[in-house]
């Protein structure tokens, strides 16, 4: 359902180091600690730094080359693997024992099995099913997310819920639930869920996050 205690510490050690590096070079958040072990950051500020991080490939490459906090080689390899991330709008539809089931809003749709960081992923959104904007990351042979979600306050009726469930059942039957990244290139059309554009209107958005972001 989520990472082990050791892996939680490992993830946040890498993640905080990256956010600090972005801020050191871009000077976006004033008063931010320059030491990962001391970093406490508001989710709003983390979102600002994260958005810059994912947009700037040169900055990510410089971080890997410099390794400013002396991360272990296997942790730098994790950072490099994040070039295979998947970003966009997703539908978080259910929690299973090993992972949450997450559908890509694009067509052909992909069904992902995603671990939470310190809690099951479904606890990071206000209700299920939930449409949320986020970034899925490789974590060795698993998939996690970057600890930040923007959940949309959209409630789905029976038709949408049935469509989500059918997409999941078809992926399960075909053994095409993706549990590592990069995803296999031969994605089949399993019955695309409603697009984000076609979903009911929302009156507000909520920011969901793992507890230590």
C-alpha atoms as a PDB file:
ATOM      1  CA  UNK A   1       0.000   0.000   0.000  1.00  0.00           C
ATOM      2  CA  UNK A   2       2.865   2.392   0.791  1.00  0.00           C
ATOM      3  CA  UNK A   3       6.628   2.459   1.253  1.00  0.00           C
ATOM      4  CA  UNK A   4       8.390   0.889   4.232  1.00  0.00           C
ATOM      5  CA  UNK A   5       9.820   3.160   6.946  1.00  0.00           C
ATOM      6  CA  UNK A   6      13.330   2.896   5.489  1.00  0.00           C
ATOM      7  CA  UNK A   7      12.071   3.624   1.989  1.00  0.00           C
ATOM      8  CA  UNK A   8      10.027   6.599   3.220  1.00  0.00           C
ATOM      9  CA  UNK A   9      13.202   8.115   4.688  1.00  0.00           C
ATOM     10  CA  UNK A  10      15.079   7.314   1.508  1.00  0.00           C
ATOM     11  CA  UNK A  11      12.445   8.957  -0.703  1.00  0.00           C
ATOM     12  CA  UNK A  12      12.267  12.155   1.345  1.00  0.00           C
ATOM     13  CA  UNK A  13      16.056  12.350   1.541  1.00  0.00           C
ATOM     14  CA  UNK A  14      16.213  12.345  -2.261  1.00  0.00           C
ATOM     15  CA  UNK A  15      13.140  14.549  -2.735  1.00  0.00           C
ATOM     16  CA  UNK A  16      14.166  17.238  -0.254  1.00  0.00           C
ATOM     17  CA  UNK A  17      17.660  17.348  -1.734  1.00  0.00           C
ATOM     18  CA  UNK A  18      16.149  17.985  -5.172  1.00  0.00           C
ATOM     19  CA  UNK A  19      13.801  20.719  -3.956  1.00  0.00           C
ATOM     20  CA  UNK A  20      16.622  22.471  -2.103  1.00  0.00           C
ATOM     21  CA  UNK A  21      18.771  22.323  -5.248  1.00  0.00           C
ATOM     22  CA  UNK A  22      15.980  23.917  -7.300  1.00  0.00           C
ATOM     23  CA  UNK A  23      15.583  26.697  -4.761  1.00  0.00           C
ATOM     24  CA  UNK A  24      19.321  27.249  -4.492  1.00  0.00           C
ATOM     25  CA  UNK A  25      19.509  27.904  -8.220  1.00  0.00           C
ATOM     26  CA  UNK A  26      16.174  29.614  -8.823  1.00  0.00           C
ATOM     27  CA  UNK A  27      15.693  31.515  -5.504  1.00  0.00           C
ATOM     28  CA  UNK A  28      11.948  30.945  -5.474  1.00  0.00           C
ATOM     29  CA  UNK A  29      11.251  30.481  -1.747  1.00  0.00           C
ATOM     30  CA  UNK A  30      12.919  32.805   0.756  1.00  0.00           C
ATOM     31  CA  UNK A  31      14.139  31.464   4.089  1.00  0.00           C
ATOM     32  CA  UNK A  32      14.180  27.825   2.979  1.00  0.00           C
ATOM     33  CA  UNK A  33      16.734  25.616   4.755  1.00  0.00           C
ATOM     34  CA  UNK A  34      19.707  24.500   2.682  1.00  0.00           C
ATOM     35  CA  UNK A  35      19.968  21.176   4.524  1.00  0.00           C
ATOM     36  CA  UNK A  36      17.658  18.256   3.627  1.00  0.00           C
ATOM     37  CA  UNK A  37      17.601  16.987   7.221  1.00  0.00           C
ATOM     38  CA  UNK A  38      16.301  20.371   8.440  1.00  0.00           C
ATOM     39  CA  UNK A  39      13.828  21.036   5.643  1.00  0.00           C
ATOM     40  CA  UNK A  40      10.209  21.645   6.553  1.00  0.00           C
ATOM     41  CA  UNK A  41       8.273  23.000   3.618  1.00  0.00           C
ATOM     42  CA  UNK A  42       4.655  24.027   3.094  1.00  0.00           C
ATOM     43  CA  UNK A  43       2.936  22.013   0.341  1.00  0.00           C
ATOM     44  CA  UNK A  44       2.245  25.237  -1.579  1.00  0.00           C
ATOM     45  CA  UNK A  45       5.978  26.038  -1.673  1.00  0.00           C
ATOM     46  CA  UNK A  46       6.861  22.434  -2.493  1.00  0.00           C
ATOM     47  CA  UNK A  47       4.473  22.614  -5.450  1.00  0.00           C
ATOM     48  CA  UNK A  48       6.223  25.721  -6.784  1.00  0.00           C
ATOM     49  CA  UNK A  49       9.641  24.044  -6.614  1.00  0.00           C
ATOM     50  CA  UNK A  50       8.337  20.748  -7.974  1.00  0.00           C
ATOM     51  CA  UNK A  51       6.778  22.396 -11.022  1.00  0.00           C
ATOM     52  CA  UNK A  52      10.089  24.041 -11.889  1.00  0.00           C
ATOM     53  CA  UNK A  53      11.960  20.769 -11.289  1.00  0.00           C
ATOM     54  CA  UNK A  54       9.874  18.784 -13.753  1.00  0.00           C
ATOM     55  CA  UNK A  55       9.994  21.505 -16.414  1.00  0.00           C
ATOM     56  CA  UNK A  56      13.782  21.963 -16.365  1.00  0.00           C
ATOM     57  CA  UNK A  57      15.656  18.951 -17.748  1.00  0.00           C
ATOM     58  CA  UNK A  58      18.995  20.810 -17.661  1.00  0.00           C
ATOM     59  CA  UNK A  59      18.571  21.496 -13.946  1.00  0.00           C
ATOM     60  CA  UNK A  60      17.835  17.826 -13.266  1.00  0.00           C
ATOM     61  CA  UNK A  61      20.882  16.761 -15.278  1.00  0.00           C
ATOM     62  CA  UNK A  62      23.064  19.250 -13.387  1.00  0.00           C
ATOM     63  CA  UNK A  63      21.797  17.876 -10.076  1.00  0.00           C
ATOM     64  CA  UNK A  64      22.713  14.320 -11.053  1.00  0.00           C
ATOM     65  CA  UNK A  65      26.160  15.399 -12.214  1.00  0.00           C
ATOM     66  CA  UNK A  66      26.909  17.496  -9.118  1.00  0.00           C
ATOM     67  CA  UNK A  67      25.215  15.272  -6.536  1.00  0.00           C
ATOM     68  CA  UNK A  68      25.422  18.184  -4.060  1.00  0.00           C
ATOM     69  CA  UNK A  69      24.362  16.200  -0.979  1.00  0.00           C
ATOM     70  CA  UNK A  70      26.507  13.155  -1.673  1.00  0.00           C
ATOM     71  CA  UNK A  71      23.687  10.715  -2.340  1.00  0.00           C
ATOM     72  CA  UNK A  72      24.569   7.069  -2.843  1.00  0.00           C
ATOM     73  CA  UNK A  73      24.932   5.932  -6.484  1.00  0.00           C
ATOM     74  CA  UNK A  74      21.725   3.918  -6.237  1.00  0.00           C
ATOM     75  CA  UNK A  75      19.850   7.050  -5.135  1.00  0.00           C
ATOM     76  CA  UNK A  76      21.202   9.042  -8.062  1.00  0.00           C
ATOM     77  CA  UNK A  77      20.021   6.152 -10.242  1.00  0.00           C
ATOM     78  CA  UNK A  78      16.543   6.634  -8.757  1.00  0.00           C
ATOM     79  CA  UNK A  79      16.654  10.323  -9.732  1.00  0.00           C
ATOM     80  CA  UNK A  80      17.714   9.371 -13.243  1.00  0.00           C
ATOM     81  CA  UNK A  81      14.864   6.862 -13.467  1.00  0.00           C
ATOM     82  CA  UNK A  82      12.434   9.724 -12.822  1.00  0.00           C
ATOM     83  CA  UNK A  83      12.965  10.807 -16.425  1.00  0.00           C
ATOM     84  CA  UNK A  84      10.400   8.044 -17.115  1.00  0.00           C
ATOM     85  CA  UNK A  85       7.767   9.732 -14.937  1.00  0.00           C
ATOM     86  CA  UNK A  86       4.154  10.038 -16.052  1.00  0.00           C
ATOM     87  CA  UNK A  87       2.489  13.409 -15.404  1.00  0.00           C
ATOM     88  CA  UNK A  88      -1.053  14.495 -16.035  1.00  0.00           C
ATOM     89  CA  UNK A  89      -4.632  14.002 -14.904  1.00  0.00           C
ATOM     90  CA  UNK A  90      -5.502  10.683 -13.311  1.00  0.00           C
ATOM     91  CA  UNK A  91      -8.517   8.939 -11.823  1.00  0.00           C
ATOM     92  CA  UNK A  92      -7.778   7.288  -8.472  1.00  0.00           C
ATOM     93  CA  UNK A  93     -10.524   4.686  -8.325  1.00  0.00           C
ATOM     94  CA  UNK A  94      -9.840   2.119  -5.589  1.00  0.00           C
ATOM     95  CA  UNK A  95      -7.392   0.813  -3.013  1.00  0.00           C
ATOM     96  CA  UNK A  96      -6.230  -2.790  -3.154  1.00  0.00           C
ATOM     97  CA  UNK A  97      -3.919  -4.513  -0.693  1.00  0.00           C
ATOM     98  CA  UNK A  98      -0.734  -4.072  -2.796  1.00  0.00           C
ATOM     99  CA  UNK A  99      -1.485  -0.676  -4.370  1.00  0.00           C
ATOM    100  CA  UNK A 100      -4.065   1.874  -5.444  1.00  0.00           C
ATOM    101  CA  UNK A 101      -5.639   1.565  -8.875  1.00  0.00           C
ATOM    102  CA  UNK A 102      -5.082   4.700 -10.951  1.00  0.00           C
ATOM    103  CA  UNK A 103      -6.363   5.308 -14.476  1.00  0.00           C
ATOM    104  CA  UNK A 104      -4.729   7.662 -16.948  1.00  0.00           C
ATOM    105  CA  UNK A 105      -7.222  10.170 -18.318  1.00  0.00           C
ATOM    106  CA  UNK A 106      -5.693   9.936 -21.795  1.00  0.00           C
ATOM    107  CA  UNK A 107      -6.751   7.511 -24.517  1.00  0.00           C
ATOM    108  CA  UNK A 108      -5.800   4.718 -24.846  1.00  0.00           C
ATOM    109  CA  UNK A 109      -6.049   4.564 -21.103  1.00  0.00           C
ATOM    110  CA  UNK A 110      -3.458   2.915 -18.877  1.00  0.00           C
ATOM    111  CA  UNK A 111      -4.261   1.283 -15.551  1.00  0.00           C
ATOM    112  CA  UNK A 112      -1.511   1.786 -12.951  1.00  0.00           C
ATOM    113  CA  UNK A 113      -0.883   0.162  -9.576  1.00  0.00           C
ATOM    114  CA  UNK A 114       0.557   2.956  -7.413  1.00  0.00           C
ATOM    115  CA  UNK A 115       2.019   2.914  -3.902  1.00  0.00           C
ATOM    116  CA  UNK A 116       1.556   5.786  -1.486  1.00  0.00           C
ATOM    117  CA  UNK A 117       4.533   7.296   0.306  1.00  0.00           C
ATOM    118  CA  UNK A 118       3.776   7.096   4.031  1.00  0.00           C
ATOM    119  CA  UNK A 119       0.048   6.301   3.668  1.00  0.00           C
ATOM    120  CA  UNK A 120      -2.053   4.524   1.041  1.00  0.00           C
ATOM    121  CA  UNK A 121      -2.549   6.790  -1.956  1.00  0.00           C
ATOM    122  CA  UNK A 122      -6.313   6.894  -1.453  1.00  0.00           C
ATOM    123  CA  UNK A 123      -5.807   8.699   1.863  1.00  0.00           C
ATOM    124  CA  UNK A 124      -4.184  11.599  -0.005  1.00  0.00           C
ATOM    125  CA  UNK A 125      -7.417  12.532  -1.776  1.00  0.00           C
ATOM    126  CA  UNK A 126     -10.757  13.601  -0.258  1.00  0.00           C
ATOM    127  CA  UNK A 127     -12.924  10.835  -1.748  1.00  0.00           C
ATOM    128  CA  UNK A 128     -12.900   7.883  -4.153  1.00  0.00           C
ATOM    129  CA  UNK A 129     -13.097   7.850  -7.116  1.00  0.00           C
ATOM    130  CA  UNK A 130     -11.166  11.092  -7.413  1.00  0.00           C
ATOM    131  CA  UNK A 131      -9.766  13.010 -10.357  1.00  0.00           C
ATOM    132  CA  UNK A 132      -6.343  14.416  -9.480  1.00  0.00           C
ATOM    133  CA  UNK A 133      -3.423  16.056 -11.223  1.00  0.00           C
ATOM    134  CA  UNK A 134      -0.115  14.472 -10.301  1.00  0.00           C
ATOM    135  CA  UNK A 135       3.209  12.922 -11.271  1.00  0.00           C
ATOM    136  CA  UNK A 136       3.831   9.168 -11.109  1.00  0.00           C
ATOM    137  CA  UNK A 137       7.434   8.110 -10.519  1.00  0.00           C
ATOM    138  CA  UNK A 138       9.398   4.887 -10.890  1.00  0.00           C
ATOM    139  CA  UNK A 139      10.635   3.542  -7.552  1.00  0.00           C
ATOM    140  CA  UNK A 140      12.839   0.588  -8.417  1.00  0.00           C
ATOM    141  CA  UNK A 141      10.295  -2.052  -9.532  1.00  0.00           C
ATOM    142  CA  UNK A 142       7.272  -0.146  -8.179  1.00  0.00           C
ATOM    143  CA  UNK A 143       5.379   3.074  -8.963  1.00  0.00           C
ATOM    144  CA  UNK A 144       4.952   5.893  -6.446  1.00  0.00           C
ATOM    145  CA  UNK A 145       4.033   9.571  -6.882  1.00  0.00           C
ATOM    146  CA  UNK A 146       6.020  12.693  -6.084  1.00  0.00           C
ATOM    147  CA  UNK A 147       4.068  13.293  -2.823  1.00  0.00           C
ATOM    148  CA  UNK A 148       1.968  16.135  -4.292  1.00  0.00           C
ATOM    149  CA  UNK A 149      -1.514  15.868  -5.779  1.00  0.00           C
ATOM    150  CA  UNK A 150      -4.098  18.429  -6.818  1.00  0.00           C
ATOM    151  CA  UNK A 151      -7.442  16.743  -6.259  1.00  0.00           C
ATOM    152  CA  UNK A 152     -10.448  18.056  -8.166  1.00  0.00           C
ATOM    153  CA  UNK A 153     -13.732  18.458  -6.317  1.00  0.00           C
ATOM    154  CA  UNK A 154     -15.682  16.468  -8.871  1.00  0.00           C
ATOM    155  CA  UNK A 155     -18.140  13.803  -7.766  1.00  0.00           C
ATOM    156  CA  UNK A 156     -18.828  11.032 -10.284  1.00  0.00           C
ATOM    157  CA  UNK A 157     -22.206   9.423 -10.837  1.00  0.00           C
ATOM    158  CA  UNK A 158     -22.996   5.761 -11.540  1.00  0.00           C
ATOM    159  CA  UNK A 159     -22.138   5.985 -15.247  1.00  0.00           C
ATOM    160  CA  UNK A 160     -18.639   7.288 -14.627  1.00  0.00           C
ATOM    161  CA  UNK A 161     -18.040   4.819 -11.788  1.00  0.00           C
ATOM    162  CA  UNK A 162     -19.113   1.930 -14.001  1.00  0.00           C
ATOM    163  CA  UNK A 163     -16.747   3.104 -16.765  1.00  0.00           C
ATOM    164  CA  UNK A 164     -13.836   3.282 -14.320  1.00  0.00           C
ATOM    165  CA  UNK A 165     -14.595  -0.187 -12.985  1.00  0.00           C
ATOM    166  CA  UNK A 166     -14.856  -1.686 -16.464  1.00  0.00           C
ATOM    167  CA  UNK A 167     -11.477  -0.216 -17.414  1.00  0.00           C
ATOM    168  CA  UNK A 168      -9.958  -1.769 -14.295  1.00  0.00           C
ATOM    169  CA  UNK A 169     -11.592  -5.177 -14.894  1.00  0.00           C
ATOM    170  CA  UNK A 170     -10.409  -5.276 -18.492  1.00  0.00           C
ATOM    171  CA  UNK A 171      -6.855  -4.364 -17.500  1.00  0.00           C
ATOM    172  CA  UNK A 172      -6.873  -6.977 -14.741  1.00  0.00           C
ATOM    173  CA  UNK A 173      -8.231  -9.692 -17.029  1.00  0.00           C
ATOM    174  CA  UNK A 174      -5.590  -8.869 -19.653  1.00  0.00           C
ATOM    175  CA  UNK A 175      -2.854  -8.682 -16.960  1.00  0.00           C
ATOM    176  CA  UNK A 176      -2.104  -5.151 -18.086  1.00  0.00           C
ATOM    177  CA  UNK A 177      -2.092  -3.298 -14.786  1.00  0.00           C
ATOM    178  CA  UNK A 178       1.194  -1.357 -14.998  1.00  0.00           C
ATOM    179  CA  UNK A 179       3.190  -1.629 -11.766  1.00  0.00           C
ATOM    180  CA  UNK A 180       6.558  -0.279 -12.909  1.00  0.00           C
ATOM    181  CA  UNK A 181       7.827   2.477 -15.198  1.00  0.00           C
ATOM    182  CA  UNK A 182       8.439   2.930 -18.027  1.00  0.00           C
ATOM    183  CA  UNK A 183       5.174   1.296 -19.043  1.00  0.00           C
ATOM    184  CA  UNK A 184       5.246  -1.313 -21.831  1.00  0.00           C
ATOM    185  CA  UNK A 185       4.923   0.384 -25.230  1.00  0.00           C
ATOM    186  CA  UNK A 186       2.134  -1.868 -26.540  1.00  0.00           C
ATOM    187  CA  UNK A 187      -0.726  -0.329 -24.581  1.00  0.00           C
ATOM    188  CA  UNK A 188      -4.111  -1.608 -25.700  1.00  0.00           C
ATOM    189  CA  UNK A 189      -7.346   0.319 -25.598  1.00  0.00           C
ATOM    190  CA  UNK A 190      -9.078  -1.061 -22.521  1.00  0.00           C
ATOM    191  CA  UNK A 191     -12.048   1.274 -22.704  1.00  0.00           C
ATOM    192  CA  UNK A 192     -11.015   4.855 -22.088  1.00  0.00           C
ATOM    193  CA  UNK A 193     -12.461   6.539 -18.990  1.00  0.00           C
ATOM    194  CA  UNK A 194     -14.200   9.914 -19.306  1.00  0.00           C
ATOM    195  CA  UNK A 195     -11.653  12.583 -20.170  1.00  0.00           C
ATOM    196  CA  UNK A 196     -10.827  15.345 -17.710  1.00  0.00           C
ATOM    197  CA  UNK A 197     -12.446  17.785 -20.106  1.00  0.00           C
ATOM    198  CA  UNK A 198     -15.658  15.774 -20.165  1.00  0.00           C
ATOM    199  CA  UNK A 199     -15.916  15.328 -16.406  1.00  0.00           C
ATOM    200  CA  UNK A 200     -18.529  17.265 -14.411  1.00  0.00           C
ATOM    201  CA  UNK A 201     -17.525  20.770 -13.419  1.00  0.00           C
ATOM    202  CA  UNK A 202     -15.872  21.317 -10.069  1.00  0.00           C
ATOM    203  CA  UNK A 203     -16.448  24.257  -7.769  1.00  0.00           C
ATOM    204  CA  UNK A 204     -13.006  24.099  -6.195  1.00  0.00           C
ATOM    205  CA  UNK A 205      -9.742  22.160  -6.064  1.00  0.00           C
ATOM    206  CA  UNK A 206      -8.018  20.564  -3.117  1.00  0.00           C
ATOM    207  CA  UNK A 207      -4.312  19.937  -2.725  1.00  0.00           C
ATOM    208  CA  UNK A 208      -3.539  16.443  -1.514  1.00  0.00           C
ATOM    209  CA  UNK A 209      -0.115  15.415  -0.237  1.00  0.00           C
ATOM    210  CA  UNK A 210       1.727  12.802   1.684  1.00  0.00           C
ATOM    211  CA  UNK A 211       2.177  13.698   5.326  1.00  0.00           C
ATOM    212  CA  UNK A 212       5.856  14.662   5.179  1.00  0.00           C
ATOM    213  CA  UNK A 213       5.991  16.836   2.030  1.00  0.00           C
END
